N, C-alpha and C. Protein backbone atom coordinates (compact mmCIF):
# COMPACT_ATOMS: atom_id res chain seq x y z
N MET A 1 -22.36 -19.75 26.89
CA MET A 1 -22.06 -20.40 25.64
C MET A 1 -20.58 -20.67 25.54
N GLU A 2 -20.23 -21.87 25.24
CA GLU A 2 -18.83 -22.23 25.14
C GLU A 2 -18.55 -22.88 23.80
N ASP A 3 -17.50 -22.41 23.13
CA ASP A 3 -17.12 -22.97 21.84
C ASP A 3 -16.30 -24.23 22.05
N GLU A 4 -16.48 -25.20 21.18
CA GLU A 4 -15.65 -26.40 21.18
C GLU A 4 -14.42 -26.14 20.32
N LYS A 5 -13.26 -26.65 20.75
CA LYS A 5 -12.01 -26.46 20.03
C LYS A 5 -11.74 -27.68 19.15
N TYR A 6 -11.16 -27.42 17.98
CA TYR A 6 -10.80 -28.52 17.10
C TYR A 6 -9.53 -28.17 16.34
N LEU A 7 -8.88 -29.20 15.79
CA LEU A 7 -7.64 -29.04 15.04
C LEU A 7 -7.92 -29.07 13.54
N VAL A 8 -7.23 -28.20 12.80
CA VAL A 8 -7.46 -28.09 11.36
C VAL A 8 -6.12 -27.94 10.66
N ASP A 9 -5.96 -28.60 9.52
CA ASP A 9 -4.82 -28.41 8.65
C ASP A 9 -5.33 -27.79 7.36
N ILE A 10 -4.79 -26.62 7.04
CA ILE A 10 -5.19 -25.89 5.83
C ILE A 10 -4.05 -26.03 4.82
N ILE A 11 -4.36 -26.53 3.63
CA ILE A 11 -3.34 -26.69 2.58
C ILE A 11 -3.91 -26.13 1.28
N PHE A 12 -3.17 -25.21 0.66
CA PHE A 12 -3.59 -24.66 -0.63
C PHE A 12 -2.38 -24.10 -1.36
N THR A 13 -2.55 -23.73 -2.62
CA THR A 13 -1.46 -23.24 -3.46
C THR A 13 -1.09 -21.81 -3.08
N ARG A 14 0.21 -21.57 -2.93
CA ARG A 14 0.69 -20.24 -2.59
C ARG A 14 0.17 -19.21 -3.60
N ARG A 15 -0.22 -18.05 -3.10
CA ARG A 15 -0.74 -16.92 -3.87
C ARG A 15 -2.07 -17.19 -4.54
N ASP A 16 -2.79 -18.22 -4.09
CA ASP A 16 -4.18 -18.40 -4.50
C ASP A 16 -5.08 -17.71 -3.48
N THR A 17 -6.29 -17.37 -3.90
CA THR A 17 -7.31 -16.91 -2.96
C THR A 17 -7.87 -18.16 -2.31
N TYR A 18 -7.90 -18.17 -0.98
CA TYR A 18 -8.42 -19.33 -0.25
C TYR A 18 -9.50 -18.85 0.71
N LYS A 19 -10.69 -19.43 0.60
CA LYS A 19 -11.81 -19.05 1.46
C LYS A 19 -12.24 -20.24 2.29
N PHE A 20 -12.57 -19.97 3.55
CA PHE A 20 -13.17 -21.02 4.37
C PHE A 20 -14.27 -20.44 5.24
N THR A 21 -15.19 -21.31 5.57
CA THR A 21 -16.37 -20.93 6.35
C THR A 21 -16.48 -21.87 7.53
N PHE A 22 -16.91 -21.34 8.66
CA PHE A 22 -17.11 -22.19 9.83
C PHE A 22 -18.21 -21.60 10.70
N LYS A 23 -18.70 -22.41 11.61
CA LYS A 23 -19.69 -21.97 12.59
C LYS A 23 -19.15 -22.26 13.97
N ARG A 24 -19.49 -21.42 14.91
CA ARG A 24 -19.14 -21.67 16.31
C ARG A 24 -20.14 -22.68 16.86
N ILE A 25 -19.59 -23.71 17.51
CA ILE A 25 -20.40 -24.80 18.04
C ILE A 25 -20.17 -24.91 19.55
N ASP A 26 -21.25 -25.11 20.32
CA ASP A 26 -21.09 -25.26 21.76
C ASP A 26 -20.81 -26.73 22.12
N ALA A 27 -20.65 -27.00 23.40
CA ALA A 27 -20.28 -28.34 23.88
C ALA A 27 -21.35 -29.39 23.57
N ASN A 28 -22.58 -28.96 23.31
CA ASN A 28 -23.67 -29.88 22.98
C ASN A 28 -23.86 -30.07 21.48
N GLY A 29 -22.99 -29.44 20.68
CA GLY A 29 -23.08 -29.57 19.23
C GLY A 29 -24.02 -28.59 18.57
N ASN A 30 -24.49 -27.61 19.32
CA ASN A 30 -25.41 -26.61 18.78
C ASN A 30 -24.64 -25.40 18.25
N VAL A 31 -25.15 -24.82 17.17
CA VAL A 31 -24.55 -23.60 16.62
C VAL A 31 -24.82 -22.45 17.58
N ILE A 32 -23.80 -21.67 17.85
CA ILE A 32 -23.95 -20.49 18.71
C ILE A 32 -24.55 -19.38 17.85
N PRO A 33 -25.76 -18.92 18.17
CA PRO A 33 -26.51 -18.04 17.27
C PRO A 33 -26.26 -16.54 17.43
N VAL A 34 -25.14 -16.16 17.99
CA VAL A 34 -24.82 -14.74 18.13
C VAL A 34 -23.40 -14.50 17.63
N SER A 35 -23.19 -13.30 17.09
CA SER A 35 -21.85 -12.95 16.63
C SER A 35 -20.93 -12.70 17.81
N ALA A 36 -19.68 -13.04 17.64
CA ALA A 36 -18.68 -12.76 18.67
C ALA A 36 -18.46 -11.26 18.77
N THR A 37 -17.96 -10.81 19.92
CA THR A 37 -17.59 -9.41 20.09
C THR A 37 -16.41 -9.09 19.18
N GLU A 38 -15.43 -10.00 19.14
CA GLU A 38 -14.26 -9.89 18.27
C GLU A 38 -13.77 -11.29 17.95
N MET A 39 -13.08 -11.41 16.83
CA MET A 39 -12.53 -12.70 16.42
C MET A 39 -11.26 -12.43 15.63
N TRP A 40 -10.27 -13.31 15.81
CA TRP A 40 -8.99 -13.19 15.11
C TRP A 40 -8.63 -14.53 14.49
N PHE A 41 -8.24 -14.52 13.23
CA PHE A 41 -7.59 -15.66 12.59
C PHE A 41 -6.15 -15.22 12.40
N THR A 42 -5.21 -15.96 13.00
CA THR A 42 -3.81 -15.55 13.01
C THR A 42 -2.93 -16.69 12.51
N VAL A 43 -1.92 -16.32 11.70
CA VAL A 43 -0.93 -17.28 11.20
C VAL A 43 0.46 -16.75 11.56
N LYS A 44 1.30 -17.63 12.12
CA LYS A 44 2.68 -17.30 12.47
C LYS A 44 3.60 -18.42 11.99
N ASP A 45 4.92 -18.14 12.00
CA ASP A 45 5.91 -19.16 11.62
C ASP A 45 5.89 -20.34 12.58
N ASP A 46 5.78 -20.05 13.87
CA ASP A 46 5.75 -21.09 14.90
C ASP A 46 5.14 -20.50 16.17
N TYR A 47 4.97 -21.35 17.17
CA TYR A 47 4.31 -20.90 18.41
C TYR A 47 5.16 -19.93 19.22
N ASN A 48 6.46 -19.91 18.99
CA ASN A 48 7.36 -19.11 19.81
C ASN A 48 7.61 -17.70 19.29
N THR A 49 7.17 -17.40 18.08
CA THR A 49 7.42 -16.08 17.51
C THR A 49 6.27 -15.13 17.79
N LYS A 50 6.59 -13.85 17.88
CA LYS A 50 5.55 -12.84 18.04
C LYS A 50 5.17 -12.21 16.71
N THR A 51 5.98 -12.50 15.67
CA THR A 51 5.73 -11.93 14.35
C THR A 51 4.52 -12.60 13.70
N ILE A 52 3.56 -11.80 13.32
CA ILE A 52 2.32 -12.29 12.70
C ILE A 52 2.48 -12.24 11.19
N ARG A 53 2.23 -13.38 10.53
CA ARG A 53 2.30 -13.46 9.06
C ARG A 53 0.98 -13.02 8.43
N ILE A 54 -0.13 -13.49 9.00
CA ILE A 54 -1.46 -13.13 8.54
C ILE A 54 -2.33 -12.93 9.77
N GLN A 55 -3.14 -11.89 9.76
CA GLN A 55 -4.16 -11.77 10.80
C GLN A 55 -5.40 -11.13 10.18
N LYS A 56 -6.52 -11.80 10.35
CA LYS A 56 -7.82 -11.32 9.90
C LYS A 56 -8.67 -11.10 11.14
N LYS A 57 -9.45 -10.01 11.13
CA LYS A 57 -10.27 -9.66 12.30
C LYS A 57 -11.73 -9.45 11.91
N LEU A 58 -12.60 -9.79 12.83
CA LEU A 58 -14.03 -9.54 12.65
C LEU A 58 -14.29 -8.03 12.61
N SER A 59 -13.63 -7.27 13.49
CA SER A 59 -13.88 -5.83 13.60
C SER A 59 -13.46 -5.04 12.37
N THR A 60 -12.55 -5.59 11.56
CA THR A 60 -12.11 -4.89 10.34
C THR A 60 -12.83 -5.38 9.09
N GLY A 61 -13.74 -6.34 9.26
CA GLY A 61 -14.47 -6.88 8.13
C GLY A 61 -13.73 -7.96 7.36
N GLU A 62 -12.55 -8.35 7.85
CA GLU A 62 -11.78 -9.41 7.19
C GLU A 62 -12.32 -10.79 7.54
N ILE A 63 -13.03 -10.88 8.65
CA ILE A 63 -13.85 -12.04 8.97
C ILE A 63 -15.28 -11.53 8.91
N VAL A 64 -16.11 -12.20 8.13
CA VAL A 64 -17.48 -11.74 7.92
C VAL A 64 -18.45 -12.70 8.61
N TYR A 65 -19.35 -12.15 9.41
CA TYR A 65 -20.38 -12.94 10.08
C TYR A 65 -21.67 -12.88 9.27
N ASP A 66 -22.25 -14.05 8.98
CA ASP A 66 -23.51 -14.14 8.25
C ASP A 66 -24.62 -14.46 9.25
N ASP A 67 -25.42 -13.46 9.55
CA ASP A 67 -26.48 -13.59 10.55
C ASP A 67 -27.56 -14.60 10.13
N SER A 68 -27.70 -14.85 8.83
CA SER A 68 -28.78 -15.74 8.37
C SER A 68 -28.54 -17.20 8.76
N ASP A 69 -27.26 -17.61 8.81
CA ASP A 69 -26.99 -19.00 9.20
C ASP A 69 -25.91 -19.10 10.28
N HIS A 70 -25.51 -17.95 10.85
CA HIS A 70 -24.55 -17.88 11.95
C HIS A 70 -23.18 -18.44 11.59
N SER A 71 -22.79 -18.22 10.34
CA SER A 71 -21.48 -18.69 9.89
C SER A 71 -20.50 -17.52 9.76
N TYR A 72 -19.23 -17.85 9.79
CA TYR A 72 -18.15 -16.88 9.63
C TYR A 72 -17.38 -17.24 8.37
N HIS A 73 -16.95 -16.21 7.65
CA HIS A 73 -16.25 -16.39 6.38
C HIS A 73 -14.92 -15.67 6.44
N VAL A 74 -13.85 -16.40 6.09
CA VAL A 74 -12.50 -15.84 6.09
C VAL A 74 -11.92 -16.02 4.69
N THR A 75 -11.29 -14.98 4.17
CA THR A 75 -10.63 -15.05 2.87
C THR A 75 -9.16 -14.72 3.03
N ILE A 76 -8.30 -15.64 2.60
CA ILE A 76 -6.86 -15.40 2.56
C ILE A 76 -6.57 -14.93 1.13
N GLN A 77 -6.01 -13.74 1.01
CA GLN A 77 -5.73 -13.14 -0.28
C GLN A 77 -4.39 -13.63 -0.84
N PRO A 78 -4.22 -13.58 -2.17
CA PRO A 78 -2.94 -13.99 -2.77
C PRO A 78 -1.73 -13.28 -2.16
N SER A 79 -1.85 -12.00 -1.87
CA SER A 79 -0.73 -11.25 -1.30
C SER A 79 -0.37 -11.72 0.11
N ASP A 80 -1.32 -12.35 0.81
CA ASP A 80 -1.06 -12.83 2.18
C ASP A 80 0.01 -13.91 2.22
N THR A 81 0.12 -14.71 1.15
CA THR A 81 1.05 -15.84 1.16
C THR A 81 2.18 -15.70 0.14
N ALA A 82 2.33 -14.53 -0.47
CA ALA A 82 3.32 -14.35 -1.54
C ALA A 82 4.74 -14.70 -1.11
N ASP A 83 5.08 -14.45 0.16
CA ASP A 83 6.45 -14.74 0.61
C ASP A 83 6.54 -16.01 1.47
N PHE A 84 5.48 -16.81 1.49
CA PHE A 84 5.52 -18.06 2.24
C PHE A 84 6.41 -19.07 1.50
N ILE A 85 7.09 -19.92 2.25
CA ILE A 85 7.99 -20.92 1.68
C ILE A 85 7.21 -22.22 1.47
N TYR A 86 7.32 -22.78 0.25
CA TYR A 86 6.65 -24.03 -0.07
C TYR A 86 6.99 -25.10 0.96
N GLY A 87 5.97 -25.82 1.40
CA GLY A 87 6.18 -26.96 2.28
C GLY A 87 6.32 -26.63 3.76
N ASN A 88 6.59 -25.36 4.09
CA ASN A 88 6.65 -24.99 5.51
C ASN A 88 5.26 -25.10 6.11
N LYS A 89 5.21 -25.58 7.34
CA LYS A 89 3.94 -25.62 8.07
C LYS A 89 3.94 -24.47 9.06
N TYR A 90 3.08 -23.51 8.80
CA TYR A 90 2.89 -22.37 9.68
C TYR A 90 1.80 -22.73 10.68
N VAL A 91 1.82 -22.13 11.85
CA VAL A 91 0.77 -22.41 12.84
C VAL A 91 -0.32 -21.34 12.73
N CYS A 92 -1.54 -21.76 13.02
CA CYS A 92 -2.65 -20.82 12.95
C CYS A 92 -3.66 -21.14 14.06
N ASP A 93 -4.45 -20.14 14.37
CA ASP A 93 -5.55 -20.37 15.30
C ASP A 93 -6.65 -19.34 15.06
N ILE A 94 -7.80 -19.62 15.67
CA ILE A 94 -8.90 -18.67 15.70
C ILE A 94 -9.24 -18.44 17.16
N GLN A 95 -9.19 -17.18 17.57
CA GLN A 95 -9.59 -16.81 18.92
C GLN A 95 -10.87 -15.99 18.84
N VAL A 96 -11.73 -16.20 19.81
CA VAL A 96 -13.02 -15.51 19.89
C VAL A 96 -13.10 -14.74 21.18
N GLN A 97 -13.59 -13.52 21.09
CA GLN A 97 -13.89 -12.74 22.29
C GLN A 97 -15.40 -12.58 22.36
N GLN A 98 -15.97 -12.99 23.48
CA GLN A 98 -17.38 -12.80 23.74
C GLN A 98 -17.46 -12.05 25.06
N GLY A 99 -17.80 -10.77 24.99
CA GLY A 99 -17.75 -9.94 26.20
C GLY A 99 -16.31 -9.81 26.64
N ASN A 100 -16.02 -10.17 27.90
CA ASN A 100 -14.64 -10.07 28.40
C ASN A 100 -13.92 -11.43 28.42
N ILE A 101 -14.51 -12.44 27.78
CA ILE A 101 -13.90 -13.78 27.73
C ILE A 101 -13.29 -14.00 26.35
N ILE A 102 -12.03 -14.44 26.34
CA ILE A 102 -11.33 -14.77 25.09
C ILE A 102 -10.99 -16.25 25.11
N LYS A 103 -11.32 -16.94 24.01
CA LYS A 103 -11.09 -18.38 23.95
C LYS A 103 -10.60 -18.78 22.56
N THR A 104 -9.62 -19.67 22.52
CA THR A 104 -9.15 -20.24 21.26
C THR A 104 -10.09 -21.38 20.89
N ILE A 105 -10.69 -21.30 19.69
CA ILE A 105 -11.65 -22.33 19.27
C ILE A 105 -11.08 -23.23 18.17
N MET A 106 -9.94 -22.84 17.57
CA MET A 106 -9.34 -23.67 16.54
C MET A 106 -7.83 -23.45 16.56
N LYS A 107 -7.10 -24.55 16.43
CA LYS A 107 -5.65 -24.52 16.25
C LYS A 107 -5.32 -25.42 15.08
N GLY A 108 -4.23 -25.12 14.41
CA GLY A 108 -3.85 -26.00 13.31
C GLY A 108 -2.62 -25.52 12.60
N THR A 109 -2.46 -26.01 11.38
CA THR A 109 -1.34 -25.61 10.55
C THR A 109 -1.85 -25.10 9.21
N LEU A 110 -1.04 -24.27 8.58
CA LEU A 110 -1.31 -23.78 7.24
C LEU A 110 -0.07 -24.06 6.41
N GLU A 111 -0.26 -24.74 5.29
CA GLU A 111 0.85 -25.09 4.41
C GLU A 111 0.51 -24.65 3.00
N VAL A 112 1.48 -24.04 2.32
CA VAL A 112 1.27 -23.66 0.93
C VAL A 112 2.06 -24.58 0.02
N THR A 113 1.42 -24.99 -1.07
CA THR A 113 2.06 -25.86 -2.06
C THR A 113 2.55 -24.99 -3.22
N PRO A 114 3.46 -25.52 -4.04
CA PRO A 114 4.03 -24.73 -5.13
C PRO A 114 2.98 -24.29 -6.15
N GLU A 115 3.20 -23.11 -6.68
CA GLU A 115 2.37 -22.60 -7.76
C GLU A 115 3.08 -22.88 -9.09
N VAL A 116 2.31 -23.03 -10.14
CA VAL A 116 2.87 -23.28 -11.47
C VAL A 116 2.82 -21.98 -12.29
N THR A 117 1.66 -21.36 -12.33
CA THR A 117 1.50 -20.09 -13.04
C THR A 117 1.71 -18.97 -12.04
N PHE A 118 2.77 -18.23 -12.19
CA PHE A 118 3.05 -17.12 -11.28
C PHE A 118 2.33 -15.88 -11.79
N GLU A 119 1.63 -15.20 -10.89
CA GLU A 119 0.88 -14.01 -11.22
C GLU A 119 1.76 -13.00 -11.97
N GLY A 120 1.31 -12.60 -13.12
CA GLY A 120 2.01 -11.56 -13.86
C GLY A 120 3.29 -11.99 -14.56
N VAL A 121 3.67 -13.26 -14.47
CA VAL A 121 4.93 -13.72 -15.05
C VAL A 121 4.73 -14.17 -16.50
N GLU A 122 3.61 -14.82 -16.76
CA GLU A 122 3.40 -15.39 -18.09
C GLU A 122 2.49 -14.52 -18.92
């Protein structure tokens, strides 16, 4: 089973809860009907830094697999983006481990837009 890779741009308001759902798809367009061994959603400032801004993992329950429809659910919490700079494009990807094989299935950018109502300010 091989996942197809695609590019994604994620844009949402800083310090909002942001949820997204996806399915692993093989080269023939079919949903892969088994959970990955491990999965990581990672956000960094750029490709050259080792500092991780956000990382969600399947093994910690931060990425949730739904066996009924073979989808994965990721939630970015308000605290995850509290110190992000408006308009900066951060890089992100999703890597999947199936057995001893690790593959990047998604690459893209994450951008936060300005918030108007600041949590706890008003």
